[in-house]
Amino acid sequence: MVKNTQWLYNDVQENRKVLSSNDSQLARRNYLRSLYSFYEVYLSDLREVVAKLLVDDFDLSGEWKLHEVFPLLDESARLGKNGKLDLEPNRIPFLSLVAYTLKAFAKQVGFEKEVLSDSRWEAFCQSTQIRHRITHPKFHTEIEITDDELKTIDSGLEWWKEINSELQNKRYAKSVGG
């Protein structure tokens, strides 16, 4: 999975270069689309990491809090009338899933800073709305990304990279006894 994440991040960087050298609405949309493909795959990988950390913690403490793992799963379980277990795609909204995953990760690695306190988290949230708008436009005017929106998208990416780097560094420090 790390290989796929790196490929997608390379796509983001390549699309940003194209945008820098030949700014167009197509280049802006391609940059944003590649960025959200990267976010989705990275988040999927991170959810697996956090679920494993939670399970390890449950094993050590002897207290199983399965409800903390459920949001991280790709599927949710439902029981049919006959007691049959049916699996459905987990439909937790993207921003809620990002927030939950990062907070759970921070808790597991002992990261004390609030992961959503940075103003760039709001930029990340706004960039998600921009992504939704260009992916599902209702009017022709909704497919353009303004200069200010591009700055917001870049600010959200800065937040994403920084908070994930800080969390991974804390995880590493904890694993080596720091």
C-alpha atoms as a PDB file:
ATOM      1  CA  MET A   1       0.000   0.000   0.000  1.00  0.00           C
ATOM      2  CA  VAL A   2       2.850   2.427   0.740  1.00  0.00           C
ATOM      3  CA  LYS A   3       3.923   2.056  -2.896  1.00  0.00           C
ATOM      4  CA  ASN A   4       0.442   3.121  -4.097  1.00  0.00           C
ATOM      5  CA  THR A   5       0.446   6.047  -1.687  1.00  0.00           C
ATOM      6  CA  GLN A   6       3.816   7.199  -3.023  1.00  0.00           C
ATOM      7  CA  TRP A   7       2.627   6.872  -6.614  1.00  0.00           C
ATOM      8  CA  LEU A   8      -0.373   9.037  -5.826  1.00  0.00           C
ATOM      9  CA  TYR A   9       1.746  11.601  -4.000  1.00  0.00           C
ATOM     10  CA  ASN A  10       4.019  11.703  -7.056  1.00  0.00           C
ATOM     11  CA  ASP A  11       0.885  12.418  -9.117  1.00  0.00           C
ATOM     12  CA  VAL A  12       0.071  15.318  -6.784  1.00  0.00           C
ATOM     13  CA  GLN A  13       3.557  16.743  -7.182  1.00  0.00           C
ATOM     14  CA  GLU A  14       3.506  16.307 -10.947  1.00  0.00           C
ATOM     15  CA  ASN A  15       0.074  17.952 -11.224  1.00  0.00           C
ATOM     16  CA  ARG A  16       1.304  20.844  -9.043  1.00  0.00           C
ATOM     17  CA  LYS A  17       4.293  21.316 -11.370  1.00  0.00           C
ATOM     18  CA  VAL A  18       1.981  21.351 -14.389  1.00  0.00           C
ATOM     19  CA  LEU A  19      -0.219  23.884 -12.625  1.00  0.00           C
ATOM     20  CA  SER A  20       2.773  26.084 -11.791  1.00  0.00           C
ATOM     21  CA  SER A  21       4.026  26.095 -15.379  1.00  0.00           C
ATOM     22  CA  ASN A  22       0.671  26.218 -17.181  1.00  0.00           C
ATOM     23  CA  ASP A  23      -2.117  27.454 -14.911  1.00  0.00           C
ATOM     24  CA  SER A  24      -5.531  26.453 -16.237  1.00  0.00           C
ATOM     25  CA  GLN A  25      -8.814  25.269 -14.778  1.00  0.00           C
ATOM     26  CA  LEU A  26      -8.063  21.773 -16.075  1.00  0.00           C
ATOM     27  CA  ALA A  27      -4.686  21.775 -14.311  1.00  0.00           C
ATOM     28  CA  ARG A  28      -6.311  23.046 -11.106  1.00  0.00           C
ATOM     29  CA  ARG A  29      -9.002  20.350 -11.180  1.00  0.00           C
ATOM     30  CA  ASN A  30      -6.463  17.626 -11.975  1.00  0.00           C
ATOM     31  CA  TYR A  31      -4.301  18.798  -9.069  1.00  0.00           C
ATOM     32  CA  LEU A  32      -7.262  18.714  -6.681  1.00  0.00           C
ATOM     33  CA  ARG A  33      -8.466  15.317  -7.933  1.00  0.00           C
ATOM     34  CA  SER A  34      -5.014  13.775  -7.568  1.00  0.00           C
ATOM     35  CA  LEU A  35      -4.696  15.294  -4.108  1.00  0.00           C
ATOM     36  CA  TYR A  36      -7.925  13.679  -2.911  1.00  0.00           C
ATOM     37  CA  SER A  37      -6.958  10.329  -4.424  1.00  0.00           C
ATOM     38  CA  PHE A  38      -3.772  10.585  -2.368  1.00  0.00           C
ATOM     39  CA  TYR A  39      -5.686  11.603   0.775  1.00  0.00           C
ATOM     40  CA  GLU A  40      -8.121   8.690   0.418  1.00  0.00           C
ATOM     41  CA  VAL A  41      -5.427   6.031  -0.011  1.00  0.00           C
ATOM     42  CA  TYR A  42      -3.224   7.503   2.730  1.00  0.00           C
ATOM     43  CA  LEU A  43      -6.228   7.593   5.058  1.00  0.00           C
ATOM     44  CA  SER A  44      -7.021   3.964   4.259  1.00  0.00           C
ATOM     45  CA  ASP A  45      -3.470   2.956   5.190  1.00  0.00           C
ATOM     46  CA  LEU A  46      -3.578   5.084   8.333  1.00  0.00           C
ATOM     47  CA  ARG A  47      -6.886   3.546   9.418  1.00  0.00           C
ATOM     48  CA  GLU A  48      -5.250   0.109   9.295  1.00  0.00           C
ATOM     49  CA  VAL A  49      -2.316   1.347  11.386  1.00  0.00           C
ATOM     50  CA  VAL A  50      -4.623   2.888  13.982  1.00  0.00           C
ATOM     51  CA  ALA A  51      -6.828  -0.223  14.131  1.00  0.00           C
ATOM     52  CA  LYS A  52      -3.739  -2.359  14.795  1.00  0.00           C
ATOM     53  CA  LEU A  53      -2.576   0.029  17.524  1.00  0.00           C
ATOM     54  CA  LEU A  54      -6.008  -0.115  19.134  1.00  0.00           C
ATOM     55  CA  VAL A  55      -6.084  -3.917  19.028  1.00  0.00           C
ATOM     56  CA  ASP A  56      -2.593  -4.049  20.578  1.00  0.00           C
ATOM     57  CA  ASP A  57      -3.757  -1.672  23.297  1.00  0.00           C
ATOM     58  CA  PHE A  58      -6.859  -3.791  23.917  1.00  0.00           C
ATOM     59  CA  ASP A  59      -4.688  -6.910  24.233  1.00  0.00           C
ATOM     60  CA  LEU A  60      -2.412  -5.216  26.753  1.00  0.00           C
ATOM     61  CA  SER A  61      -5.164  -3.674  28.835  1.00  0.00           C
ATOM     62  CA  GLY A  62      -7.518  -6.637  28.671  1.00  0.00           C
ATOM     63  CA  GLU A  63     -10.363  -4.227  27.926  1.00  0.00           C
ATOM     64  CA  TRP A  64     -11.817  -4.525  24.467  1.00  0.00           C
ATOM     65  CA  LYS A  65     -13.496  -1.376  23.186  1.00  0.00           C
ATOM     66  CA  LEU A  66     -14.578  -2.611  19.788  1.00  0.00           C
ATOM     67  CA  HIS A  67     -16.644   0.507  19.177  1.00  0.00           C
ATOM     68  CA  GLU A  68     -13.347   2.397  18.806  1.00  0.00           C
ATOM     69  CA  VAL A  69     -12.287   0.135  15.928  1.00  0.00           C
ATOM     70  CA  PHE A  70     -15.625   0.028  14.074  1.00  0.00           C
ATOM     71  CA  PRO A  71     -15.314   3.479  12.445  1.00  0.00           C
ATOM     72  CA  LEU A  72     -11.921   2.473  11.030  1.00  0.00           C
ATOM     73  CA  LEU A  73     -13.240  -0.567   9.171  1.00  0.00           C
ATOM     74  CA  ASP A  74     -14.017  -0.559   5.449  1.00  0.00           C
ATOM     75  CA  GLU A  75     -17.314  -2.301   6.096  1.00  0.00           C
ATOM     76  CA  SER A  76     -20.012  -2.090   8.725  1.00  0.00           C
ATOM     77  CA  ALA A  77     -21.996  -5.085   9.904  1.00  0.00           C
ATOM     78  CA  ARG A  78     -25.767  -5.291   9.912  1.00  0.00           C
ATOM     79  CA  LEU A  79     -27.960  -8.120  11.062  1.00  0.00           C
ATOM     80  CA  GLY A  80     -30.801  -9.214   8.839  1.00  0.00           C
ATOM     81  CA  LYS A  81     -34.182 -10.304  10.215  1.00  0.00           C
ATOM     82  CA  ASN A  82     -33.048 -13.922  10.106  1.00  0.00           C
ATOM     83  CA  GLY A  83     -29.875 -13.168  12.074  1.00  0.00           C
ATOM     84  CA  LYS A  84     -27.640 -13.292   9.005  1.00  0.00           C
ATOM     85  CA  LEU A  85     -24.641 -10.982   9.147  1.00  0.00           C
ATOM     86  CA  ASP A  86     -24.579  -8.595   6.205  1.00  0.00           C
ATOM     87  CA  LEU A  87     -21.632  -6.340   5.407  1.00  0.00           C
ATOM     88  CA  GLU A  88     -22.140  -2.928   3.874  1.00  0.00           C
ATOM     89  CA  PRO A  89     -19.614  -0.272   2.891  1.00  0.00           C
ATOM     90  CA  ASN A  90     -18.726   1.990   5.796  1.00  0.00           C
ATOM     91  CA  ARG A  91     -20.271   5.315   4.843  1.00  0.00           C
ATOM     92  CA  ILE A  92     -18.704   7.626   7.398  1.00  0.00           C
ATOM     93  CA  PRO A  93     -18.239  11.073   5.828  1.00  0.00           C
ATOM     94  CA  PHE A  94     -14.653  11.791   4.761  1.00  0.00           C
ATOM     95  CA  LEU A  95     -13.971  14.698   7.142  1.00  0.00           C
ATOM     96  CA  SER A  96     -15.423  12.837  10.122  1.00  0.00           C
ATOM     97  CA  LEU A  97     -13.268   9.838   9.291  1.00  0.00           C
ATOM     98  CA  VAL A  98     -10.136  11.980   8.937  1.00  0.00           C
ATOM     99  CA  ALA A  99     -10.827  13.672  12.281  1.00  0.00           C
ATOM    100  CA  TYR A 100     -11.565  10.420  14.106  1.00  0.00           C
ATOM    101  CA  THR A 101      -8.572   8.577  12.635  1.00  0.00           C
ATOM    102  CA  LEU A 102      -6.106  11.358  13.438  1.00  0.00           C
ATOM    103  CA  LYS A 103      -7.456  11.819  16.976  1.00  0.00           C
ATOM    104  CA  ALA A 104      -7.338   8.071  17.639  1.00  0.00           C
ATOM    105  CA  PHE A 105      -3.803   7.889  16.237  1.00  0.00           C
ATOM    106  CA  ALA A 106      -2.710  10.838  18.380  1.00  0.00           C
ATOM    107  CA  LYS A 107      -4.135   9.187  21.475  1.00  0.00           C
ATOM    108  CA  GLN A 108      -2.430   5.872  20.731  1.00  0.00           C
ATOM    109  CA  VAL A 109       1.011   7.415  20.240  1.00  0.00           C
ATOM    110  CA  GLY A 110       0.729   9.899  23.118  1.00  0.00           C
ATOM    111  CA  PHE A 111       0.612  13.005  20.923  1.00  0.00           C
ATOM    112  CA  GLU A 112      -0.613  15.756  23.219  1.00  0.00           C
ATOM    113  CA  LYS A 113      -1.222  18.574  20.730  1.00  0.00           C
ATOM    114  CA  GLU A 114      -4.816  18.893  19.460  1.00  0.00           C
ATOM    115  CA  VAL A 115      -4.657  17.624  15.872  1.00  0.00           C
ATOM    116  CA  LEU A 116      -7.531  19.786  14.608  1.00  0.00           C
ATOM    117  CA  SER A 117      -6.647  23.079  16.299  1.00  0.00           C
ATOM    118  CA  ASP A 118      -4.577  24.512  13.459  1.00  0.00           C
ATOM    119  CA  SER A 119      -6.395  26.993  11.202  1.00  0.00           C
ATOM    120  CA  ARG A 120      -5.164  24.935   8.272  1.00  0.00           C
ATOM    121  CA  TRP A 121      -7.564  22.180   9.389  1.00  0.00           C
ATOM    122  CA  GLU A 122     -10.326  24.585   8.381  1.00  0.00           C
ATOM    123  CA  ALA A 123      -8.538  25.079   5.056  1.00  0.00           C
ATOM    124  CA  PHE A 124      -8.488  21.296   4.661  1.00  0.00           C
ATOM    125  CA  CYS A 125     -12.235  21.197   5.366  1.00  0.00           C
ATOM    126  CA  GLN A 126     -12.850  23.979   2.857  1.00  0.00           C
ATOM    127  CA  SER A 127     -10.735  22.234   0.234  1.00  0.00           C
ATOM    128  CA  THR A 128     -12.890  19.150   0.733  1.00  0.00           C
ATOM    129  CA  GLN A 129     -15.963  21.231  -0.033  1.00  0.00           C
ATOM    130  CA  ILE A 130     -14.226  22.582  -3.142  1.00  0.00           C
ATOM    131  CA  ARG A 131     -13.458  19.018  -4.193  1.00  0.00           C
ATOM    132  CA  HIS A 132     -17.102  18.008  -3.697  1.00  0.00           C
ATOM    133  CA  ARG A 133     -18.259  21.018  -5.692  1.00  0.00           C
ATOM    134  CA  ILE A 134     -16.055  20.336  -8.718  1.00  0.00           C
ATOM    135  CA  THR A 135     -16.775  16.611  -8.600  1.00  0.00           C
ATOM    136  CA  HIS A 136     -20.562  17.078  -8.439  1.00  0.00           C
ATOM    137  CA  PRO A 137     -21.259  20.487 -10.016  1.00  0.00           C
ATOM    138  CA  LYS A 138     -24.834  21.719 -10.185  1.00  0.00           C
ATOM    139  CA  PHE A 139     -24.042  24.778 -12.339  1.00  0.00           C
ATOM    140  CA  HIS A 140     -21.336  25.527 -14.895  1.00  0.00           C
ATOM    141  CA  THR A 141     -19.845  28.120 -12.549  1.00  0.00           C
ATOM    142  CA  GLU A 142     -19.094  25.430  -9.956  1.00  0.00           C
ATOM    143  CA  ILE A 143     -16.297  23.798 -11.938  1.00  0.00           C
ATOM    144  CA  GLU A 144     -13.831  26.655 -11.574  1.00  0.00           C
ATOM    145  CA  ILE A 145     -11.256  26.892  -8.802  1.00  0.00           C
ATOM    146  CA  THR A 146     -10.360  30.479  -7.888  1.00  0.00           C
ATOM    147  CA  ASP A 147      -6.924  31.756  -6.885  1.00  0.00           C
ATOM    148  CA  ASP A 148      -8.080  32.043  -3.269  1.00  0.00           C
ATOM    149  CA  GLU A 149      -9.446  28.503  -3.344  1.00  0.00           C
ATOM    150  CA  LEU A 150      -6.134  27.248  -4.715  1.00  0.00           C
ATOM    151  CA  LYS A 151      -4.373  28.895  -1.752  1.00  0.00           C
ATOM    152  CA  THR A 152      -6.873  27.205   0.568  1.00  0.00           C
ATOM    153  CA  ILE A 153      -6.195  23.827  -1.066  1.00  0.00           C
ATOM    154  CA  ASP A 154      -2.438  24.314  -0.662  1.00  0.00           C
ATOM    155  CA  SER A 155      -2.885  25.371   2.967  1.00  0.00           C
ATOM    156  CA  GLY A 156      -4.935  22.239   3.646  1.00  0.00           C
ATOM    157  CA  LEU A 157      -2.176  20.122   2.102  1.00  0.00           C
ATOM    158  CA  GLU A 158       0.428  21.829   4.303  1.00  0.00           C
ATOM    159  CA  TRP A 159      -1.676  20.961   7.362  1.00  0.00           C
ATOM    160  CA  TRP A 160      -2.098  17.346   6.182  1.00  0.00           C
ATOM    161  CA  LYS A 161       1.632  16.846   5.618  1.00  0.00           C
ATOM    162  CA  GLU A 162       2.639  18.519   8.887  1.00  0.00           C
ATOM    163  CA  ILE A 163       0.171  16.773  11.202  1.00  0.00           C
ATOM    164  CA  ASN A 164       0.852  13.372   9.656  1.00  0.00           C
ATOM    165  CA  SER A 165       4.597  13.912   9.875  1.00  0.00           C
ATOM    166  CA  GLU A 166       4.327  14.931  13.533  1.00  0.00           C
ATOM    167  CA  LEU A 167       2.171  11.906  14.327  1.00  0.00           C
ATOM    168  CA  GLN A 168       4.483   9.486  12.505  1.00  0.00           C
ATOM    169  CA  ASN A 169       7.510  11.000  14.294  1.00  0.00           C
ATOM    170  CA  LYS A 170       5.762  10.577  17.650  1.00  0.00           C
ATOM    171  CA  ARG A 171       4.882   6.992  16.753  1.00  0.00           C
ATOM    172  CA  TYR A 172       8.506   6.271  15.890  1.00  0.00           C
ATOM    173  CA  ALA A 173       9.771   7.937  19.082  1.00  0.00           C
ATOM    174  CA  LYS A 174       7.339   5.874  21.144  1.00  0.00           C
ATOM    175  CA  SER A 175       8.392   2.649  19.406  1.00  0.00           C
ATOM    176  CA  VAL A 176      12.062   3.238  20.224  1.00  0.00           C
ATOM    177  CA  GLY A 177      11.300   4.167  23.822  1.00  0.00           C
ATOM    178  CA  GLY A 178      11.006   7.945  23.536  1.00  0.00           C
END
